[in-house]
Amino acid sequence: MLKEGTKAPEFTLPDQNAQPVSLSDFLGKSVILYFYPRDNTPGCTRQARAFAERYDEFAARDAVVIGVSRDSPASHLRFAEKNGLPFILLSDPELAVIAPYGAWQEKKDRGRVSMGIVRSSYLIGRDGIIRRAMTRVKPDQNAAEMLALLDGED
């Protein structure tokens, strides 16, 4: 994980509409950047829906929500349409952002060890500085945690 208090590394990735999105596009806004394993899996769907349900609360705090996984833009578009997701989903199949942000880690599942995306999230301040870095977040609690952190920013 990247350290709190450091500048968030710049990136540009395609969104669900295959349009390039850069972190610097959101300077002056708070950014919730969350990394999740895969579209249309139970935990990832619950996490995305929780962010969608509270989207207006994030917008009222001048915050942008961005989800990142290895899935393709086309997969993200289907996932967003199916679940009514109003926020940005970025495609990172080459791990250009996932790895530097520390979300690509060794995982253990039923005794099997493999590399994969560990559910992680960052609160990036309006100035581009990482305010909070969280790993192994719970899908049902992450949106509420991020809102609470935003409320502590002001």
Protein backbone atom coordinates (compact mmCIF):
# COMPACT_ATOMS: atom_id res chain seq x y z
CA MET A 1 0.00 0.00 0.00
CA LEU A 2 1.07 3.54 -0.63
CA LYS A 3 1.72 5.65 2.43
CA GLU A 4 -0.73 8.18 3.80
CA GLY A 5 0.55 11.73 3.45
CA THR A 6 2.27 11.06 0.10
CA LYS A 7 1.29 12.25 -3.36
CA ALA A 8 -0.97 9.80 -5.17
CA PRO A 9 0.78 8.54 -8.33
CA GLU A 10 -0.71 9.92 -11.53
CA PHE A 11 -2.32 7.48 -13.96
CA THR A 12 -4.46 7.29 -17.06
CA LEU A 13 -6.66 4.26 -17.79
CA PRO A 14 -9.70 3.59 -20.00
CA ASP A 15 -13.12 3.76 -18.36
CA GLN A 16 -16.21 1.65 -19.07
CA ASN A 17 -16.77 3.69 -22.25
CA ALA A 18 -13.14 3.12 -23.37
CA GLN A 19 -12.40 6.81 -22.74
CA PRO A 20 -9.12 7.78 -21.03
CA VAL A 21 -9.45 8.99 -17.44
CA SER A 22 -6.56 10.49 -15.47
CA LEU A 23 -6.29 11.03 -11.74
CA SER A 24 -5.26 14.63 -12.44
CA ASP A 25 -8.70 15.21 -14.04
CA PHE A 26 -10.03 15.41 -10.47
CA LEU A 27 -7.62 17.81 -8.77
CA GLY A 28 -9.70 20.03 -6.49
CA LYS A 29 -12.05 17.14 -5.66
CA SER A 30 -11.70 14.32 -3.17
CA VAL A 31 -11.27 10.94 -4.86
CA ILE A 32 -12.35 7.56 -3.53
CA LEU A 33 -10.17 5.11 -5.46
CA TYR A 34 -11.08 1.51 -4.80
CA PHE A 35 -9.62 -1.70 -6.19
CA TYR A 36 -11.76 -4.82 -6.51
CA PRO A 37 -11.11 -8.31 -7.87
CA ARG A 38 -13.73 -8.81 -10.57
CA ASP A 39 -16.97 -7.57 -12.09
CA ASN A 40 -20.16 -9.51 -11.33
CA THR A 41 -18.84 -11.48 -8.36
CA PRO A 42 -20.92 -11.40 -5.16
CA GLY A 43 -18.59 -9.29 -2.98
CA CYS A 44 -17.63 -6.91 -5.77
CA THR A 45 -21.28 -6.42 -6.73
CA ARG A 46 -22.25 -5.66 -3.11
CA GLN A 47 -19.39 -3.18 -2.80
CA ALA A 48 -20.26 -1.41 -6.06
CA ARG A 49 -23.96 -1.23 -5.18
CA ALA A 50 -23.10 0.24 -1.77
CA PHE A 51 -21.12 3.01 -3.47
CA ALA A 52 -23.97 3.52 -5.97
CA GLU A 53 -26.61 3.73 -3.21
CA ARG A 54 -24.62 6.51 -1.51
CA TYR A 55 -23.42 8.18 -4.69
CA ASP A 56 -25.42 11.36 -4.04
CA GLU A 57 -23.80 11.65 -0.60
CA PHE A 58 -20.34 11.44 -2.20
CA ALA A 59 -21.32 14.02 -4.83
CA ALA A 60 -22.64 16.35 -2.10
CA ARG A 61 -19.16 16.23 -0.56
CA ASP A 62 -17.57 17.02 -3.94
CA ALA A 63 -16.04 13.54 -4.09
CA VAL A 64 -15.54 11.27 -7.09
CA VAL A 65 -15.80 7.48 -6.81
CA ILE A 66 -13.56 5.40 -9.08
CA GLY A 67 -13.44 1.59 -9.12
CA VAL A 68 -10.50 -0.27 -10.69
CA SER A 69 -10.11 -3.91 -11.70
CA ARG A 70 -8.45 -5.95 -14.45
CA ASP A 71 -11.74 -6.37 -16.31
CA SER A 72 -12.14 -4.92 -19.81
CA PRO A 73 -14.04 -1.70 -20.54
CA ALA A 74 -16.80 -3.81 -22.14
CA SER A 75 -17.12 -5.93 -18.98
CA HIS A 76 -17.22 -2.76 -16.87
CA LEU A 77 -19.94 -1.28 -19.07
CA ARG A 78 -22.13 -4.40 -18.69
CA PHE A 79 -21.46 -4.42 -14.91
CA ALA A 80 -22.33 -0.72 -14.59
CA GLU A 81 -25.50 -1.03 -16.67
CA LYS A 82 -26.68 -4.18 -14.88
CA ASN A 83 -26.21 -2.64 -11.43
CA GLY A 84 -27.02 1.02 -12.14
CA LEU A 85 -23.53 2.22 -11.24
CA PRO A 86 -23.24 6.00 -11.74
CA PHE A 87 -19.50 6.22 -11.11
CA ILE A 88 -16.33 5.55 -13.08
CA LEU A 89 -14.91 2.05 -13.54
CA LEU A 90 -11.37 1.81 -14.89
CA SER A 91 -9.80 -1.11 -16.75
CA ASP A 92 -6.25 -2.10 -15.75
CA PRO A 93 -5.45 -5.52 -17.29
CA GLU A 94 -1.70 -4.80 -17.28
CA LEU A 95 -1.63 -3.86 -13.55
CA ALA A 96 -0.22 -0.42 -14.40
CA VAL A 97 -2.11 1.14 -11.47
CA ILE A 98 -3.20 -1.88 -9.42
CA ALA A 99 0.39 -2.98 -8.69
CA PRO A 100 1.92 0.43 -7.81
CA TYR A 101 -1.03 1.17 -5.53
CA GLY A 102 -0.31 -2.09 -3.68
CA ALA A 103 -3.55 -3.91 -4.49
CA TRP A 104 -1.81 -6.80 -6.31
CA GLN A 105 -0.83 -9.20 -3.54
CA GLU A 106 -0.45 -12.81 -2.62
CA LYS A 107 -3.79 -14.33 -1.63
CA LYS A 108 -4.61 -17.60 0.08
CA ASP A 109 -7.83 -19.45 -0.62
CA ARG A 110 -8.47 -22.91 0.81
CA GLY A 111 -4.75 -23.58 1.10
CA ARG A 112 -3.98 -22.41 -2.43
CA VAL A 113 -1.67 -19.42 -2.86
CA SER A 114 -1.97 -17.12 -5.87
CA MET A 115 -1.55 -13.49 -6.84
CA GLY A 116 -4.63 -11.33 -7.15
CA ILE A 117 -6.32 -8.06 -6.33
CA VAL A 118 -6.82 -7.49 -2.63
CA ARG A 119 -9.89 -5.32 -2.03
CA SER A 120 -8.32 -1.96 -1.14
CA SER A 121 -9.34 1.69 -1.11
CA TYR A 122 -7.79 5.12 -0.91
CA LEU A 123 -9.10 8.52 0.04
CA ILE A 124 -7.15 11.05 -2.02
CA GLY A 125 -7.54 14.66 -0.91
CA ARG A 126 -8.38 17.62 -3.11
CA ASP A 127 -4.65 18.36 -3.32
CA GLY A 128 -3.76 14.87 -4.62
CA ILE A 129 -2.31 13.69 -1.29
CA ILE A 130 -3.31 10.27 0.06
CA ARG A 131 -5.34 10.86 3.23
CA ARG A 132 -6.20 7.24 3.97
CA ALA A 133 -5.08 3.87 2.60
CA MET A 134 -7.10 0.77 3.54
CA THR A 135 -6.48 -2.85 2.61
CA ARG A 136 -8.69 -5.91 2.89
CA VAL A 137 -11.77 -3.73 3.19
CA LYS A 138 -15.18 -5.31 3.65
CA PRO A 139 -17.46 -4.85 0.63
CA ASP A 140 -20.54 -4.01 2.68
CA GLN A 141 -18.78 -1.41 4.86
CA ASN A 142 -16.36 0.35 2.52
CA ALA A 143 -18.74 3.05 1.19
CA ALA A 144 -19.85 4.05 4.70
CA GLU A 145 -16.24 4.10 5.91
CA MET A 146 -15.25 6.39 3.07
CA LEU A 147 -18.14 8.76 3.74
CA ALA A 148 -17.12 8.97 7.40
CA LEU A 149 -13.54 9.75 6.36
CA LEU A 150 -14.77 12.48 4.00
CA ASP A 151 -16.77 14.02 6.82
CA GLY A 152 -13.55 14.16 8.86
CA GLU A 153 -11.76 16.00 6.01
CA ASP A 154 -13.74 19.23 6.31
